[in-house]
Amino acid sequence: MHAAVVTSFDAPPSYQEFPTPTPHGSDEELVDVVASGLHRRVRSQADGSHYTSTGELPLVPGVDGVGRMPDGTLRYFALGDTTSGAMAEQTVIDLRQSFPLPDGTDPVLVAAAMNPAMSSWVALRRRIDFQAGQTVLVLGATGSSGQMAVQVAKRLGAGRVIAAGRNPKLLAALPELGADTIVRLGETPGLGEAAADVDVVLDYLWGQPTVDAMTAIATNRNDGDRRLTWVEIGSVAGPTAAIPSAALRALPLQIVGSGQGSVSTAGILAELPALVAEINSGALRIDARAVPLADVTSAWQGIGPDARVVLTP
């Protein structure tokens, strides 16, 4: 079969022959891949930087997608640790980590949206005790997952959504997605003033921007008894952050992570049919671009990391 194959962590995948994977056990099935999203999570898998990377090469990247079963039905699937990922003509799925899609589902939209949207959806539904009406700050709102997080927070009942990022053009578009307030990081008046009374932070940045944001919010907090829940989801700006001790002492601050491992696979999968329903309803704005699998190298190099690209064999 043909696949997008990574032979070096320093180079993008190339379209070439790769052995067809073989199912093992009654819970596994070989499926024809219909669509697989090129997400930031997949890029980190392909360059070996993701925290789950084993360093094994060669590998076919792709952590999720839509596959066609032998009977013709479509299923959304998530893959575990494997070198035979979703960016191929075929892959092996674990039926326990997949579910059938309703008739009329657009597989390209599902493949484009599920991975970036599930990070905020699962964080708010499974990782914390999120209450309708609370104020949510999306730190890193101009990225693909951050843009989806703005929409997801609103759909799940946030009373106010604050979107913070650096790209002024993308920030300006976020009110159309549900942001009530936009803040360009590094500007004055800045995040501390806008987010002084925030309840939940969905953090896709980490690193120094997190330190700066946490310090600013702690300094400007109006209600010292109001709990602040900080959810670390991504680390675009750096893998470590020097958390200010004053923020921990001065605020009822809770810091948690949300991602693969901190939420069980079963817990994540339990949330996804409802997310598919949101996608099918048109409630989430998704600008997906389908690209042939054979063009994976040019797509990898020529399209920004936050574009919603879907590879179609």
Protein backbone atom coordinates (compact mmCIF):
# COMPACT_ATOMS: atom_id res chain seq x y z
CA MET A 1 0.00 0.00 0.00
CA HIS A 2 1.00 3.66 -0.24
CA ALA A 3 1.46 5.87 2.79
CA ALA A 4 3.08 9.03 4.11
CA VAL A 5 6.32 7.65 5.50
CA VAL A 6 8.70 9.33 7.97
CA THR A 7 12.26 8.06 7.61
CA SER A 8 13.95 10.93 9.48
CA PHE A 9 12.67 13.23 12.22
CA ASP A 10 14.42 16.08 10.40
CA ALA A 11 12.46 15.72 7.16
CA PRO A 12 8.77 15.73 6.19
CA PRO A 13 7.02 12.48 5.28
CA SER A 14 7.14 11.27 1.69
CA TYR A 15 4.64 9.28 -0.34
CA GLN A 16 5.97 5.76 -0.79
CA GLU A 17 5.24 2.08 -0.39
CA PHE A 18 4.80 0.75 3.14
CA PRO A 19 3.84 -2.72 4.36
CA THR A 20 0.12 -3.19 4.89
CA PRO A 21 -0.47 -3.67 8.62
CA THR A 22 -2.05 -6.87 9.88
CA PRO A 23 -4.86 -7.08 12.45
CA HIS A 24 -4.22 -9.14 15.57
CA GLY A 25 -7.18 -10.36 17.55
CA SER A 26 -10.92 -10.03 17.23
CA ASP A 27 -10.96 -6.37 18.30
CA GLU A 28 -8.80 -5.19 15.39
CA GLU A 29 -9.86 -4.51 11.82
CA LEU A 30 -8.05 -3.43 8.66
CA VAL A 31 -9.91 -0.44 7.22
CA ASP A 32 -9.58 1.75 4.16
CA VAL A 33 -8.65 5.23 5.30
CA VAL A 34 -11.04 7.87 3.95
CA ALA A 35 -9.62 10.98 5.66
CA SER A 36 -6.90 11.79 8.19
CA GLY A 37 -6.18 15.23 9.65
CA LEU A 38 -2.77 16.88 9.56
CA HIS A 39 -2.90 18.37 13.05
CA ARG A 40 -0.19 19.91 15.21
CA ARG A 41 -0.29 16.70 17.25
CA VAL A 42 0.61 14.74 14.10
CA ARG A 43 3.46 17.10 13.28
CA SER A 44 4.97 16.53 16.71
CA GLN A 45 4.59 12.79 16.19
CA ALA A 46 6.39 13.00 12.86
CA ASP A 47 9.30 15.08 14.17
CA GLY A 48 9.71 12.97 17.31
CA SER A 49 8.98 15.82 19.73
CA HIS A 50 5.71 14.57 21.23
CA TYR A 51 5.98 13.23 24.77
CA THR A 52 4.68 9.83 23.64
CA SER A 53 7.35 9.41 20.93
CA THR A 54 9.34 6.16 21.05
CA GLY A 55 11.90 7.27 18.49
CA GLU A 56 11.13 4.30 16.24
CA LEU A 57 11.53 4.76 12.47
CA PRO A 58 10.27 4.40 9.83
CA LEU A 59 6.73 5.32 10.76
CA VAL A 60 3.47 6.39 9.19
CA PRO A 61 2.09 9.39 11.12
CA GLY A 62 -1.57 10.07 11.83
CA VAL A 63 -3.32 9.61 15.15
CA ASP A 64 -6.96 9.57 14.08
CA GLY A 65 -9.24 9.64 11.07
CA VAL A 66 -12.25 8.21 9.33
CA GLY A 67 -12.08 4.70 7.92
CA ARG A 68 -14.37 2.57 5.77
CA MET A 69 -15.14 -0.85 7.18
CA PRO A 70 -15.37 -3.96 4.96
CA ASP A 71 -19.17 -3.59 5.03
CA GLY A 72 -18.94 -0.03 3.72
CA THR A 73 -19.83 1.80 6.93
CA LEU A 74 -17.71 4.72 8.17
CA ARG A 75 -16.10 4.86 11.60
CA TYR A 76 -14.14 7.52 13.38
CA PHE A 77 -11.05 5.99 14.96
CA ALA A 78 -8.24 6.99 17.28
CA LEU A 79 -4.95 5.13 17.18
CA GLY A 80 -2.68 4.14 20.02
CA ASP A 81 1.11 3.96 19.83
CA THR A 82 1.85 2.53 16.40
CA THR A 83 4.23 2.99 13.50
CA SER A 84 1.34 2.31 11.09
CA GLY A 85 -0.66 5.49 11.48
CA ALA A 86 -3.65 6.93 9.69
CA MET A 87 -1.87 8.68 6.81
CA ALA A 88 -2.01 5.65 4.57
CA GLU A 89 -4.35 3.89 2.21
CA GLN A 90 -5.14 1.41 4.98
CA THR A 91 -4.59 1.12 8.70
CA VAL A 92 -5.53 -1.22 11.52
CA ILE A 93 -7.98 0.14 14.05
CA ASP A 94 -9.02 -1.12 17.45
CA LEU A 95 -12.80 -1.32 17.33
CA ARG A 96 -12.89 -0.41 21.01
CA GLN A 97 -11.24 2.92 20.12
CA SER A 98 -13.65 3.80 17.34
CA PHE A 99 -17.34 4.31 16.75
CA PRO A 100 -19.69 4.37 13.74
CA LEU A 101 -20.54 7.72 12.18
CA PRO A 102 -24.12 8.73 11.45
CA ASP A 103 -25.37 8.68 7.87
CA GLY A 104 -24.61 11.93 6.08
CA THR A 105 -21.43 12.69 8.07
CA ASP A 106 -18.77 14.51 6.07
CA PRO A 107 -15.58 12.53 6.77
CA VAL A 108 -13.33 15.44 5.79
CA LEU A 109 -14.97 17.77 8.32
CA VAL A 110 -14.76 15.15 11.06
CA ALA A 111 -11.10 14.42 10.31
CA ALA A 112 -10.35 18.14 10.28
CA ALA A 113 -12.13 19.08 13.48
CA MET A 114 -12.04 16.18 15.90
CA ASN A 115 -8.43 16.37 17.06
CA PRO A 116 -8.19 20.15 17.53
CA ALA A 117 -11.69 20.37 19.03
CA MET A 118 -11.45 17.42 21.39
CA SER A 119 -8.64 19.02 23.40
CA SER A 120 -10.92 21.73 24.78
CA TRP A 121 -14.07 19.60 24.69
CA VAL A 122 -12.52 16.85 26.80
CA ALA A 123 -10.78 19.34 29.12
CA LEU A 124 -14.03 21.11 29.95
CA ARG A 125 -16.16 17.98 30.11
CA ARG A 126 -13.81 15.49 31.74
CA ARG A 127 -10.83 17.20 33.36
CA ILE A 128 -12.42 19.93 35.48
CA ASP A 129 -15.75 20.82 37.07
CA PHE A 130 -16.74 23.40 34.49
CA GLN A 131 -19.95 25.28 35.18
CA ALA A 132 -22.16 27.09 32.69
CA GLY A 133 -21.79 30.84 32.98
CA GLN A 134 -18.11 30.78 33.93
CA THR A 135 -15.53 32.96 32.21
CA VAL A 136 -12.99 31.12 30.05
CA LEU A 137 -9.65 32.45 28.80
CA VAL A 138 -8.16 30.70 25.78
CA LEU A 139 -4.42 31.32 25.87
CA GLY A 140 -3.13 30.70 22.36
CA ALA A 141 -6.50 31.33 20.70
CA THR A 142 -5.14 31.97 17.21
CA GLY A 143 -3.91 28.41 16.69
CA SER A 144 -6.13 25.75 15.15
CA SER A 145 -6.99 24.17 18.53
CA GLY A 146 -7.34 27.58 20.16
CA GLN A 147 -9.84 28.76 17.56
CA MET A 148 -11.86 25.61 18.13
CA ALA A 149 -11.60 26.11 21.90
CA VAL A 150 -13.27 29.51 21.63
CA GLN A 151 -16.22 27.88 19.87
CA VAL A 152 -16.33 24.84 22.16
CA ALA A 153 -16.30 26.95 25.33
CA LYS A 154 -19.26 28.93 24.06
CA ARG A 155 -21.16 25.80 23.01
CA LEU A 156 -20.62 24.29 26.46
CA GLY A 157 -22.08 27.31 28.19
CA ALA A 158 -19.28 29.76 28.96
CA GLY A 159 -20.73 33.10 29.99
CA ARG A 160 -17.75 34.98 28.59
CA VAL A 161 -14.84 33.88 26.43
CA ILE A 162 -11.57 35.83 26.30
CA ALA A 163 -9.28 35.01 23.39
CA ALA A 164 -5.58 35.84 23.73
CA GLY A 165 -2.91 35.46 21.05
CA ARG A 166 -0.30 37.29 19.00
CA ASN A 167 -1.61 37.22 15.44
CA PRO A 168 -3.71 40.40 15.06
CA LYS A 169 -5.45 39.27 11.87
CA LEU A 170 -6.59 35.96 13.37
CA LEU A 171 -7.53 37.63 16.66
CA ALA A 172 -9.77 40.08 14.84
CA ALA A 173 -11.78 37.17 13.39
CA LEU A 174 -12.41 35.46 16.73
CA PRO A 175 -15.50 37.47 17.80
CA GLU A 176 -17.30 35.80 14.90
CA LEU A 177 -16.45 32.46 16.52
CA GLY A 178 -17.78 33.47 19.92
CA ALA A 179 -15.02 35.47 21.61
CA ASP A 180 -16.41 38.27 23.75
CA THR A 181 -13.02 39.90 24.30
CA ILE A 182 -9.77 39.66 22.36
CA VAL A 183 -6.35 40.47 23.78
CA ARG A 184 -3.12 40.68 21.86
CA LEU A 185 -0.40 39.24 24.06
CA GLY A 186 2.29 41.74 25.00
CA GLU A 187 0.11 44.81 24.54
CA THR A 188 -1.09 47.31 27.16
CA PRO A 189 -3.75 47.39 28.49
CA GLY A 190 -3.25 43.71 28.52
CA LEU A 191 -4.32 40.34 29.73
CA GLY A 192 -4.24 41.08 33.45
CA GLU A 193 -6.91 43.73 33.12
CA ALA A 194 -9.09 41.85 30.63
CA ALA A 195 -8.95 38.51 32.45
CA ALA A 196 -8.83 39.63 36.06
CA ASP A 197 -11.95 37.65 36.95
CA VAL A 198 -11.45 34.62 34.71
CA ASP A 199 -12.54 31.23 36.10
CA VAL A 200 -10.88 28.80 33.67
CA VAL A 201 -7.78 29.12 31.50
CA LEU A 202 -7.33 26.76 28.55
CA ASP A 203 -3.59 27.07 27.93
CA TYR A 204 -2.14 26.02 24.57
CA LEU A 205 1.12 27.95 25.00
CA TRP A 206 2.88 27.22 28.31
CA GLY A 207 6.46 28.54 28.61
CA GLN A 208 7.04 32.25 29.26
CA PRO A 209 3.59 33.39 28.03
CA THR A 210 2.02 31.31 30.79
CA VAL A 211 4.31 32.83 33.41
CA ASP A 212 3.47 36.33 32.20
CA ALA A 213 -0.26 35.64 32.01
CA MET A 214 -0.46 34.01 35.42
CA THR A 215 1.46 36.88 37.01
CA ALA A 216 -0.74 39.48 35.33
CA ILE A 217 -3.98 37.79 36.36
CA ALA A 218 -2.80 37.29 39.94
CA THR A 219 -1.76 40.94 40.18
CA ASN A 220 -5.08 42.24 38.87
CA ARG A 221 -7.44 39.77 40.57
CA ASN A 222 -10.50 41.54 41.96
CA ASP A 223 -11.90 38.67 44.03
CA GLY A 224 -9.21 36.84 45.99
CA ASP A 225 -11.65 34.05 46.92
CA ARG A 226 -12.60 33.24 43.33
CA ARG A 227 -11.08 29.94 42.22
CA LEU A 228 -8.87 29.94 39.14
CA THR A 229 -8.50 26.66 37.28
CA TRP A 230 -5.58 26.55 34.86
CA VAL A 231 -5.71 23.71 32.31
CA GLU A 232 -2.43 23.01 30.50
CA ILE A 233 -3.22 21.50 27.10
CA GLY A 234 -0.38 22.48 24.77
CA SER A 235 3.19 23.73 24.93
CA VAL A 236 3.68 25.71 21.72
CA ALA A 237 5.81 28.32 23.50
CA GLY A 238 7.95 25.90 25.52
CA PRO A 239 7.90 22.62 27.45
CA THR A 240 8.50 24.22 30.86
CA ALA A 241 7.15 27.24 32.73
CA ALA A 242 8.56 28.88 35.88
CA ILE A 243 5.34 29.16 37.85
CA PRO A 244 5.47 32.22 40.13
CA SER A 245 5.21 31.15 43.76
CA ALA A 246 3.26 34.31 44.61
CA ALA A 247 0.43 33.20 42.32
CA LEU A 248 0.20 29.87 44.12
CA ARG A 249 0.11 31.55 47.51
CA ALA A 250 -2.10 34.51 46.67
CA LEU A 251 -4.86 32.70 44.75
CA PRO A 252 -7.04 29.61 45.13
CA LEU A 253 -5.23 28.33 42.04
CA GLN A 254 -5.56 24.83 40.62
CA ILE A 255 -3.23 23.72 37.80
CA VAL A 256 -4.09 20.55 35.89
CA GLY A 257 -3.08 19.00 32.60
CA SER A 258 -5.40 17.56 30.00
CA GLY A 259 -4.31 15.19 27.28
CA GLN A 260 -3.39 11.64 26.43
CA GLY A 261 -2.87 9.88 29.75
CA SER A 262 -4.49 12.38 32.10
CA VAL A 263 -7.83 11.39 30.58
CA SER A 264 -8.37 7.71 29.83
CA THR A 265 -8.93 6.54 26.27
CA ALA A 266 -12.37 5.30 27.32
CA GLY A 267 -13.17 8.70 28.79
CA ILE A 268 -12.11 10.52 25.63
CA LEU A 269 -14.04 8.18 23.36
CA ALA A 270 -17.17 8.55 25.46
CA GLU A 271 -17.20 12.27 24.67
CA LEU A 272 -16.61 12.08 20.93
CA PRO A 273 -20.06 11.07 19.58
CA ALA A 274 -21.47 14.26 21.10
CA LEU A 275 -18.68 16.24 19.46
CA VAL A 276 -19.47 14.62 16.10
CA ALA A 277 -23.07 15.72 16.57
CA GLU A 278 -21.87 19.30 17.05
CA ILE A 279 -19.80 19.06 13.87
CA ASN A 280 -22.71 17.58 11.89
CA SER A 281 -25.08 20.27 13.15
CA GLY A 282 -22.90 23.02 11.69
CA ALA A 283 -22.48 24.63 15.09
CA LEU A 284 -18.70 24.70 14.76
CA ARG A 285 -17.07 26.65 11.95
CA ILE A 286 -14.56 24.39 10.19
CA ASP A 287 -12.50 25.47 7.19
CA ALA A 288 -11.12 22.16 5.99
CA ARG A 289 -8.87 21.63 2.98
CA ALA A 290 -8.69 18.15 1.47
CA VAL A 291 -5.30 17.24 -0.05
CA PRO A 292 -4.42 13.97 -1.83
CA LEU A 293 -2.19 11.69 0.21
CA ALA A 294 0.26 11.64 -2.70
CA ASP A 295 0.88 15.36 -2.09
CA VAL A 296 1.79 14.94 1.57
CA THR A 297 5.30 16.39 1.29
CA SER A 298 4.20 19.62 -0.35
CA ALA A 299 1.24 19.93 2.01
CA TRP A 300 3.52 19.41 4.99
CA GLN A 301 5.96 22.10 3.87
CA GLY A 302 3.70 24.57 2.12
CA ILE A 303 0.81 24.98 4.55
CA GLY A 304 0.98 26.64 7.95
CA PRO A 305 0.91 24.37 11.01
CA ASP A 306 -2.50 25.66 12.07
CA ALA A 307 -4.27 25.07 8.76
CA ARG A 308 -6.95 22.36 8.84
CA VAL A 309 -5.53 20.06 6.20
CA VAL A 310 -7.02 16.62 5.65
CA LEU A 311 -5.20 13.94 3.68
CA THR A 312 -7.39 11.74 1.49
CA PRO A 313 -5.91 8.57 -0.07
